[in-house]
C-alpha cells in the first residue's frame, strides 16, 4: 500500500507540474512568472495536503521547537537568498 501511495503522490506531483507549464503558456502575457509559480504551488498544496495530512500531523507532533527552529531558519534564508 505504501508503494502504491508513493507512486500516486509522484504521479500527482508530475501531473501538476506538467499542467502548470501548459497553463503558464496561456497566462504568461497577463501574469508574471513568480505569480504563476506561486499559484501552481498553492494548488499543489491544496491537492496533496489532504492526502497526507495524518502522516504530516503525526510527524510534526514529534518535533520540538529546538528541532524545528533550524528548519524554519533554513527555509527563511532559502527564500530570501
Protein backbone atom coordinates (compact mmCIF):
# COMPACT_ATOMS: atom_id res chain seq x y z
CA UNK A 1 0.00 0.00 0.00
CA UNK A 2 2.85 2.40 0.82
CA UNK A 3 4.42 1.81 -2.55
CA UNK A 4 1.13 2.47 -4.32
CA UNK A 5 0.50 5.70 -2.40
CA UNK A 6 4.07 6.85 -3.11
CA UNK A 7 3.55 6.23 -6.81
CA UNK A 8 0.23 8.08 -6.66
CA UNK A 9 1.84 11.11 -4.99
CA UNK A 10 4.62 11.12 -7.55
CA UNK A 11 2.12 10.89 -10.41
CA UNK A 12 0.04 13.74 -8.99
CA UNK A 13 3.13 15.87 -8.47
CA UNK A 14 4.32 15.40 -12.03
CA UNK A 15 0.81 15.93 -13.38
CA UNK A 16 0.56 19.23 -11.54
CA UNK A 17 4.00 20.29 -12.74
CA UNK A 18 3.09 19.45 -16.32
CA UNK A 19 -0.19 21.31 -16.21
CA UNK A 20 1.47 24.36 -14.73
CA UNK A 21 3.83 24.54 -17.70
CA UNK A 22 0.92 24.35 -20.12
CA UNK A 23 -1.15 26.84 -18.15
CA UNK A 24 1.81 29.22 -17.90
CA UNK A 25 1.92 29.43 -21.67
CA UNK A 26 -1.69 30.71 -21.72
CA UNK A 27 -1.40 33.27 -18.92
CA UNK A 28 2.20 34.41 -19.37
CA UNK A 29 1.05 37.59 -21.09
CA UNK A 30 -1.02 38.72 -18.11
CA UNK A 31 0.73 37.22 -15.07
CA UNK A 32 4.37 37.19 -14.11
CA UNK A 33 6.40 34.00 -13.70
CA UNK A 34 6.54 34.25 -9.90
CA UNK A 35 2.76 34.62 -9.68
CA UNK A 36 2.28 31.58 -11.90
CA UNK A 37 4.71 29.55 -9.79
CA UNK A 38 3.08 30.64 -6.53
CA UNK A 39 -0.38 29.75 -7.83
CA UNK A 40 0.85 26.36 -9.04
CA UNK A 41 2.43 25.57 -5.67
CA UNK A 42 -0.70 26.73 -3.84
CA UNK A 43 -2.93 24.40 -5.85
CA UNK A 44 -0.47 21.54 -5.41
CA UNK A 45 -0.58 22.12 -1.66
CA UNK A 46 -4.38 22.17 -1.68
CA UNK A 47 -4.49 18.87 -3.56
CA UNK A 48 -1.67 16.95 -1.87
CA UNK A 49 -2.02 18.11 1.75
CA UNK A 50 -5.33 16.34 2.43
CA UNK A 51 -3.89 13.11 1.08
CA UNK A 52 -1.04 13.18 3.59
CA UNK A 53 -2.46 15.24 6.46
CA UNK A 54 -2.50 12.47 9.08
CA UNK A 55 1.09 11.40 8.49
CA UNK A 56 2.26 15.02 8.45
CA UNK A 57 0.47 15.79 11.72
CA UNK A 58 1.96 12.69 13.36
CA UNK A 59 5.43 13.67 12.15
CA UNK A 60 5.16 17.29 13.27
CA UNK A 61 3.88 16.34 16.74
CA UNK A 62 7.24 14.71 17.42
CA UNK A 63 9.11 17.93 16.65
CA UNK A 64 10.29 20.17 19.45
CA UNK A 65 10.97 23.85 18.91
CA UNK A 66 14.68 23.15 19.25
CA UNK A 67 14.48 20.72 16.32
CA UNK A 68 12.05 22.84 14.29
CA UNK A 69 13.91 26.17 14.57
CA UNK A 70 16.87 25.24 12.29
CA UNK A 71 14.44 24.01 9.61
CA UNK A 72 12.47 27.23 9.89
CA UNK A 73 15.66 29.27 9.64
CA UNK A 74 16.85 27.33 6.58
CA UNK A 75 13.50 27.82 4.90
CA UNK A 76 13.52 31.56 5.58
CA UNK A 77 17.08 32.03 4.36
CA UNK A 78 16.47 29.87 1.31
CA UNK A 79 13.57 32.08 0.28
CA UNK A 80 15.48 35.31 0.87
CA UNK A 81 18.63 34.23 -0.93
